[in-house]
Structure formats: C-alpha cells, structure tokens
C-alpha cells in the first residue's frame, strides 16, 4: 500500500477572514466549498498553483468563541520560490510572528493563531 498526503485541516472562527488571509498571504485559491444542508458547517478547500496538497478550512456554526490552540506546537509549512519577496510582503502585512535567521526560515500567524512556516526553495 502507498499513501499520499492530500490535505491538512484547521478549524477557523471567521471563515471569510481566513479565506482572505490565505488568499492574500500565500496566494491560495478556493478550490471547493462544502456546505452542510442544515447550515451547521462550511468546509473550504484552498489550494496553491503548484502541487496538489490542500488546506481545508472548517467553520462550525455553533462556535461562539475563538479556538484555544493551547501551546500551538503544530504548524503548516510552505516553500517559496522567492523567499525575499515573500518575507518583504509578509513583513509589510505585519504577520511575521517568529524568525529564525540562522535556519533561514520565518513564520506567519493567521487570524486564528495558527503558524505557517515559510522556507526558501532548496536547490
């Protein structure tokens, strides 16, 4: 048997704000939307221009408070083909939450507090 990662899911408090963030910060596009018939949830699949891995954003109607991410020891990772331009854009957006210059990486934080690691293309 062989397995292939297809997507990662995160639950979001404000779906429109999260879709806007991932569109503006990372250039992801909404590929598919699934809405429960009873309105209890909405799932938005976001994808990049390259690769087929998706980010699944799940919004729950009954959620009244932002998610408590605890120690938030998980993160998503993306590779940029123009690391410096990405860094400059994210710096201007004010979303860089941590930099590790010795490793040549940095992290951005989404509206719910999830971190996304930005790494340069390694050749």
N, C-alpha and C. Protein backbone atom coordinates (compact mmCIF):
# COMPACT_ATOMS: atom_id res chain seq x y z
N UNK A 1 0.84 -1.19 0.00
CA UNK A 1 0.00 0.00 0.00
C UNK A 1 0.87 1.24 0.00
N UNK A 2 0.38 2.27 -0.65
CA UNK A 2 1.07 3.55 -0.68
C UNK A 2 0.09 4.63 -0.25
N UNK A 3 0.61 5.63 0.44
CA UNK A 3 -0.22 6.73 0.90
C UNK A 3 0.38 8.04 0.43
N UNK A 4 -0.48 9.02 0.26
CA UNK A 4 -0.05 10.34 -0.17
C UNK A 4 -0.84 11.37 0.62
N UNK A 5 -0.14 12.35 1.19
CA UNK A 5 -0.84 13.42 1.87
C UNK A 5 -1.67 14.21 0.87
N UNK A 6 -2.92 14.48 1.20
CA UNK A 6 -3.80 15.23 0.30
C UNK A 6 -4.18 16.60 0.86
N UNK A 7 -4.35 16.67 2.19
CA UNK A 7 -4.74 17.95 2.78
C UNK A 7 -4.49 17.95 4.28
N UNK A 8 -4.50 19.16 4.83
CA UNK A 8 -4.50 19.36 6.27
C UNK A 8 -5.72 20.20 6.60
N UNK A 9 -6.31 19.96 7.75
CA UNK A 9 -7.49 20.69 8.19
C UNK A 9 -7.16 21.58 9.38
N UNK A 10 -7.72 22.78 9.38
CA UNK A 10 -7.73 23.61 10.57
C UNK A 10 -9.14 24.17 10.72
N UNK A 11 -9.60 24.27 11.95
CA UNK A 11 -10.89 24.89 12.21
C UNK A 11 -10.69 26.38 12.39
N UNK A 12 -11.57 27.17 11.81
CA UNK A 12 -11.43 28.62 11.84
C UNK A 12 -12.68 29.26 12.42
N UNK A 13 -12.50 30.39 13.08
CA UNK A 13 -13.60 31.09 13.73
C UNK A 13 -14.35 31.98 12.75
N UNK A 14 -13.64 32.68 11.89
CA UNK A 14 -14.24 33.58 10.91
C UNK A 14 -13.77 33.13 9.53
N UNK A 15 -14.64 32.41 8.82
CA UNK A 15 -14.26 31.79 7.55
C UNK A 15 -13.85 32.83 6.52
N UNK A 16 -14.60 33.90 6.38
CA UNK A 16 -14.27 34.92 5.37
C UNK A 16 -12.90 35.54 5.65
N UNK A 17 -12.62 35.81 6.91
CA UNK A 17 -11.32 36.39 7.28
C UNK A 17 -10.19 35.41 6.98
N UNK A 18 -10.40 34.14 7.24
CA UNK A 18 -9.37 33.13 6.99
C UNK A 18 -9.14 32.93 5.50
N UNK A 19 -10.20 32.87 4.71
CA UNK A 19 -10.05 32.73 3.26
C UNK A 19 -9.28 33.93 2.72
N UNK A 20 -9.62 35.12 3.19
CA UNK A 20 -8.93 36.34 2.76
C UNK A 20 -7.44 36.27 3.12
N UNK A 21 -7.14 35.85 4.35
CA UNK A 21 -5.75 35.75 4.81
C UNK A 21 -4.95 34.81 3.91
N UNK A 22 -5.43 33.59 3.70
CA UNK A 22 -4.67 32.61 2.92
C UNK A 22 -4.58 33.00 1.45
N UNK A 23 -5.57 33.73 0.96
CA UNK A 23 -5.52 34.23 -0.42
C UNK A 23 -4.46 35.32 -0.54
N UNK A 24 -4.50 36.29 0.36
CA UNK A 24 -3.57 37.41 0.28
C UNK A 24 -2.15 37.04 0.70
N UNK A 25 -2.00 36.28 1.77
CA UNK A 25 -0.67 35.98 2.30
C UNK A 25 0.07 34.93 1.47
N UNK A 26 -0.66 33.93 0.97
CA UNK A 26 0.00 32.81 0.31
C UNK A 26 -0.48 32.56 -1.12
N UNK A 27 -1.41 33.34 -1.59
CA UNK A 27 -1.89 33.16 -2.96
C UNK A 27 -2.71 31.90 -3.16
N UNK A 28 -3.24 31.33 -2.07
CA UNK A 28 -4.09 30.14 -2.22
C UNK A 28 -5.43 30.55 -2.82
N UNK A 29 -6.07 29.60 -3.47
CA UNK A 29 -7.36 29.85 -4.09
C UNK A 29 -8.37 28.83 -3.58
N UNK A 30 -9.61 29.29 -3.48
CA UNK A 30 -10.67 28.37 -3.08
C UNK A 30 -10.95 27.42 -4.23
N UNK A 31 -10.76 26.12 -3.97
CA UNK A 31 -10.98 25.10 -4.99
C UNK A 31 -12.35 24.44 -4.89
N UNK A 32 -12.87 24.39 -3.67
CA UNK A 32 -14.14 23.70 -3.45
C UNK A 32 -14.74 24.17 -2.14
N UNK A 33 -16.05 24.19 -2.09
CA UNK A 33 -16.77 24.58 -0.88
C UNK A 33 -17.85 23.54 -0.63
N UNK A 34 -17.92 23.09 0.61
CA UNK A 34 -18.93 22.11 1.01
C UNK A 34 -19.73 22.76 2.14
N UNK A 35 -21.04 22.88 1.93
CA UNK A 35 -21.90 23.48 2.94
C UNK A 35 -22.90 22.45 3.42
N UNK A 36 -22.98 22.28 4.73
CA UNK A 36 -23.94 21.34 5.29
C UNK A 36 -25.35 21.81 4.97
N UNK A 37 -26.24 20.88 4.64
CA UNK A 37 -27.63 21.22 4.32
C UNK A 37 -28.31 21.94 5.46
N UNK A 38 -27.94 21.60 6.69
CA UNK A 38 -28.56 22.24 7.84
C UNK A 38 -27.81 23.51 8.28
N UNK A 39 -26.76 23.88 7.55
CA UNK A 39 -26.01 25.10 7.85
C UNK A 39 -25.06 24.99 9.03
N UNK A 40 -24.84 23.78 9.52
CA UNK A 40 -24.03 23.61 10.73
C UNK A 40 -22.53 23.77 10.50
N UNK A 41 -22.08 23.61 9.26
CA UNK A 41 -20.67 23.79 8.98
C UNK A 41 -20.46 24.16 7.52
N UNK A 42 -19.29 24.74 7.25
CA UNK A 42 -18.84 25.01 5.89
C UNK A 42 -17.38 24.59 5.83
N UNK A 43 -17.02 23.89 4.78
CA UNK A 43 -15.63 23.50 4.54
C UNK A 43 -15.19 24.16 3.24
N UNK A 44 -14.03 24.81 3.30
CA UNK A 44 -13.44 25.41 2.10
C UNK A 44 -12.08 24.78 1.88
N UNK A 45 -11.89 24.24 0.69
CA UNK A 45 -10.61 23.66 0.32
C UNK A 45 -9.82 24.72 -0.43
N UNK A 46 -8.63 25.05 0.08
CA UNK A 46 -7.76 26.06 -0.52
C UNK A 46 -6.55 25.35 -1.11
N UNK A 47 -6.14 25.78 -2.32
CA UNK A 47 -5.00 25.15 -2.96
C UNK A 47 -4.08 26.17 -3.59
N UNK A 48 -2.85 25.75 -3.84
CA UNK A 48 -1.84 26.58 -4.47
C UNK A 48 -1.81 26.30 -5.97
N UNK A 49 -1.11 27.17 -6.69
CA UNK A 49 -0.97 26.97 -8.14
C UNK A 49 -0.14 25.76 -8.48
N UNK A 50 0.78 25.39 -7.58
CA UNK A 50 1.61 24.21 -7.83
C UNK A 50 1.35 23.18 -6.73
N UNK A 51 1.48 21.93 -7.07
CA UNK A 51 1.23 20.86 -6.11
C UNK A 51 -0.25 20.58 -5.98
N UNK A 52 -0.56 19.49 -5.29
CA UNK A 52 -1.96 19.13 -5.14
C UNK A 52 -2.39 18.98 -3.68
N UNK A 53 -1.53 19.39 -2.77
CA UNK A 53 -1.87 19.38 -1.35
C UNK A 53 -2.80 20.55 -1.07
N UNK A 54 -3.82 20.35 -0.27
CA UNK A 54 -4.80 21.39 0.01
C UNK A 54 -4.86 21.71 1.49
N UNK A 55 -5.34 22.91 1.78
CA UNK A 55 -5.62 23.34 3.15
C UNK A 55 -7.14 23.38 3.29
N UNK A 56 -7.65 22.61 4.22
CA UNK A 56 -9.08 22.54 4.47
C UNK A 56 -9.41 23.46 5.65
N UNK A 57 -10.22 24.47 5.39
CA UNK A 57 -10.68 25.37 6.44
C UNK A 57 -12.09 24.96 6.82
N UNK A 58 -12.32 24.66 8.08
CA UNK A 58 -13.64 24.25 8.54
C UNK A 58 -14.21 25.28 9.50
N UNK A 59 -15.41 25.75 9.18
CA UNK A 59 -16.13 26.71 10.03
C UNK A 59 -17.34 26.00 10.61
N UNK A 60 -17.53 26.13 11.92
CA UNK A 60 -18.65 25.50 12.62
C UNK A 60 -19.62 26.58 13.10
N UNK A 61 -20.88 26.47 12.70
CA UNK A 61 -21.90 27.48 13.01
C UNK A 61 -22.05 27.73 14.51
N UNK A 62 -22.03 26.69 15.29
CA UNK A 62 -22.29 26.83 16.73
C UNK A 62 -21.10 27.33 17.53
N UNK A 63 -19.99 27.56 16.89
CA UNK A 63 -18.79 28.04 17.60
C UNK A 63 -19.01 29.48 18.01
N UNK A 64 -18.91 29.76 19.30
CA UNK A 64 -19.16 31.11 19.83
C UNK A 64 -17.89 31.86 20.19
N UNK A 65 -16.79 31.14 20.40
CA UNK A 65 -15.54 31.77 20.82
C UNK A 65 -14.39 31.29 19.94
N UNK A 66 -13.36 32.11 19.80
CA UNK A 66 -12.17 31.67 19.04
C UNK A 66 -11.61 30.38 19.64
N UNK A 67 -10.92 29.63 18.82
CA UNK A 67 -10.34 28.36 19.27
C UNK A 67 -9.17 28.61 20.21
N UNK A 68 -9.05 27.77 21.23
CA UNK A 68 -7.92 27.80 22.15
C UNK A 68 -6.89 26.81 21.60
N UNK A 69 -5.79 27.33 21.09
CA UNK A 69 -4.79 26.46 20.47
C UNK A 69 -3.77 25.91 21.46
N UNK A 70 -3.98 26.18 22.74
CA UNK A 70 -3.05 25.66 23.74
C UNK A 70 -1.64 26.15 23.49
N UNK A 71 -0.69 25.25 23.50
CA UNK A 71 0.71 25.61 23.26
C UNK A 71 1.01 25.85 21.79
N UNK A 72 0.06 25.52 20.91
CA UNK A 72 0.20 25.74 19.47
C UNK A 72 1.53 25.21 18.95
N UNK A 73 1.81 23.97 19.25
CA UNK A 73 3.07 23.35 18.86
C UNK A 73 3.01 22.68 17.50
N UNK A 74 1.98 23.00 16.71
CA UNK A 74 1.92 22.48 15.35
C UNK A 74 1.97 23.66 14.38
N UNK A 75 2.34 23.38 13.14
CA UNK A 75 2.33 24.43 12.14
C UNK A 75 2.25 23.81 10.75
N UNK A 76 1.90 24.64 9.79
CA UNK A 76 1.92 24.25 8.39
C UNK A 76 3.25 24.73 7.82
N UNK A 77 3.73 24.13 6.76
CA UNK A 77 4.97 24.57 6.13
C UNK A 77 4.76 24.76 4.64
N UNK A 78 5.24 25.88 4.12
CA UNK A 78 5.18 26.13 2.69
C UNK A 78 6.54 26.62 2.20
N UNK A 79 6.84 26.30 0.95
CA UNK A 79 8.09 26.71 0.33
C UNK A 79 7.82 27.85 -0.64
N UNK A 80 8.67 28.86 -0.60
CA UNK A 80 8.53 30.00 -1.50
C UNK A 80 9.62 29.96 -2.56
N UNK A 81 9.23 30.22 -3.81
CA UNK A 81 10.23 30.29 -4.88
C UNK A 81 10.95 31.63 -4.89
N UNK A 82 10.44 32.61 -4.12
CA UNK A 82 11.10 33.91 -3.97
C UNK A 82 11.00 34.31 -2.51
N UNK A 83 11.89 33.73 -1.72
CA UNK A 83 11.86 33.88 -0.26
C UNK A 83 11.92 35.35 0.16
N UNK A 84 12.82 36.13 -0.43
CA UNK A 84 12.98 37.52 -0.01
C UNK A 84 11.73 38.34 -0.32
N UNK A 85 11.13 38.13 -1.48
CA UNK A 85 9.90 38.84 -1.83
C UNK A 85 8.77 38.43 -0.87
N UNK A 86 8.71 37.14 -0.53
CA UNK A 86 7.71 36.67 0.42
C UNK A 86 7.92 37.32 1.78
N UNK A 87 9.16 37.32 2.22
CA UNK A 87 9.49 37.94 3.51
C UNK A 87 9.06 39.42 3.51
N UNK A 88 9.41 40.14 2.47
CA UNK A 88 9.06 41.57 2.40
C UNK A 88 7.55 41.77 2.42
N UNK A 89 6.82 40.96 1.68
CA UNK A 89 5.36 41.06 1.65
C UNK A 89 4.76 40.79 3.02
N UNK A 90 5.22 39.72 3.67
CA UNK A 90 4.67 39.35 4.97
C UNK A 90 5.05 40.36 6.05
N UNK A 91 6.24 40.92 5.94
CA UNK A 91 6.67 41.97 6.87
C UNK A 91 5.75 43.19 6.73
N UNK A 92 5.48 43.57 5.49
CA UNK A 92 4.60 44.71 5.21
C UNK A 92 3.18 44.44 5.72
N UNK A 93 2.73 43.19 5.61
CA UNK A 93 1.40 42.82 6.10
C UNK A 93 1.35 42.76 7.63
N UNK A 94 2.52 42.73 8.28
CA UNK A 94 2.58 42.67 9.74
C UNK A 94 2.18 41.33 10.32
N UNK A 95 2.45 40.24 9.57
CA UNK A 95 2.01 38.92 10.03
C UNK A 95 3.15 37.99 10.41
N UNK A 96 4.40 38.47 10.34
CA UNK A 96 5.52 37.63 10.77
C UNK A 96 5.51 37.57 12.30
N UNK A 97 5.47 36.36 12.83
CA UNK A 97 5.40 36.19 14.29
C UNK A 97 6.69 35.63 14.87
N UNK A 98 7.54 35.04 14.03
CA UNK A 98 8.80 34.49 14.53
C UNK A 98 9.77 34.32 13.36
N UNK A 99 11.03 34.65 13.62
CA UNK A 99 12.08 34.48 12.61
C UNK A 99 13.20 33.64 13.20
N UNK A 100 13.74 32.74 12.39
CA UNK A 100 14.93 32.00 12.77
C UNK A 100 15.94 32.23 11.65
N UNK A 101 16.69 33.31 11.78
CA UNK A 101 17.62 33.71 10.72
C UNK A 101 18.72 32.67 10.51
N UNK A 102 19.15 32.00 11.58
CA UNK A 102 20.22 31.01 11.42
C UNK A 102 19.76 29.82 10.58
N UNK A 103 18.48 29.50 10.61
CA UNK A 103 17.94 28.42 9.78
C UNK A 103 17.40 28.94 8.45
N UNK A 104 17.29 30.26 8.31
CA UNK A 104 16.78 30.83 7.06
C UNK A 104 15.30 30.62 6.86
N UNK A 105 14.52 30.68 7.96
CA UNK A 105 13.07 30.49 7.90
C UNK A 105 12.39 31.55 8.75
N UNK A 106 11.09 31.70 8.52
CA UNK A 106 10.27 32.54 9.40
C UNK A 106 8.85 31.98 9.41
N UNK A 107 8.06 32.48 10.33
CA UNK A 107 6.68 32.03 10.48
C UNK A 107 5.74 33.22 10.39
N UNK A 108 4.57 32.98 9.80
CA UNK A 108 3.49 33.96 9.82
C UNK A 108 2.35 33.38 10.65
N UNK A 109 1.50 34.26 11.16
CA UNK A 109 0.39 33.82 12.01
C UNK A 109 -0.93 34.21 11.37
N UNK A 110 -1.85 33.25 11.26
CA UNK A 110 -3.14 33.51 10.64
C UNK A 110 -4.11 34.09 11.67
N UNK A 111 -5.32 34.47 11.26
CA UNK A 111 -6.27 35.12 12.18
C UNK A 111 -6.65 34.30 13.40
N UNK A 112 -6.52 32.98 13.32
CA UNK A 112 -6.86 32.12 14.46
C UNK A 112 -5.67 31.78 15.33
N UNK A 113 -4.48 32.24 14.94
CA UNK A 113 -3.29 31.96 15.73
C UNK A 113 -2.48 30.78 15.23
N UNK A 114 -2.88 30.15 14.14
CA UNK A 114 -2.09 29.07 13.57
C UNK A 114 -0.85 29.67 12.91
N UNK A 115 0.27 28.97 13.01
CA UNK A 115 1.52 29.42 12.40
C UNK A 115 1.74 28.69 11.09
N UNK A 116 2.33 29.43 10.14
CA UNK A 116 2.74 28.86 8.86
C UNK A 116 4.21 29.16 8.67
N UNK A 117 5.01 28.11 8.52
CA UNK A 117 6.45 28.27 8.31
C UNK A 117 6.73 28.54 6.84
N UNK A 118 7.53 29.55 6.56
CA UNK A 118 7.93 29.88 5.19
C UNK A 118 9.39 29.50 5.04
N UNK A 119 9.66 28.62 4.08
CA UNK A 119 11.03 28.18 3.83
C UNK A 119 11.41 28.54 2.39
N UNK A 120 12.69 28.80 2.18
CA UNK A 120 13.12 29.08 0.81
C UNK A 120 13.21 27.79 0.00
N UNK A 121 13.13 27.93 -1.30
CA UNK A 121 13.32 26.80 -2.19
C UNK A 121 14.75 26.31 -2.01
N UNK A 122 14.94 25.06 -1.76
CA UNK A 122 16.27 24.49 -1.56
C UNK A 122 16.71 23.80 -2.83
N UNK A 123 17.88 24.14 -3.30
CA UNK A 123 18.37 23.54 -4.56
C UNK A 123 19.53 22.63 -4.31
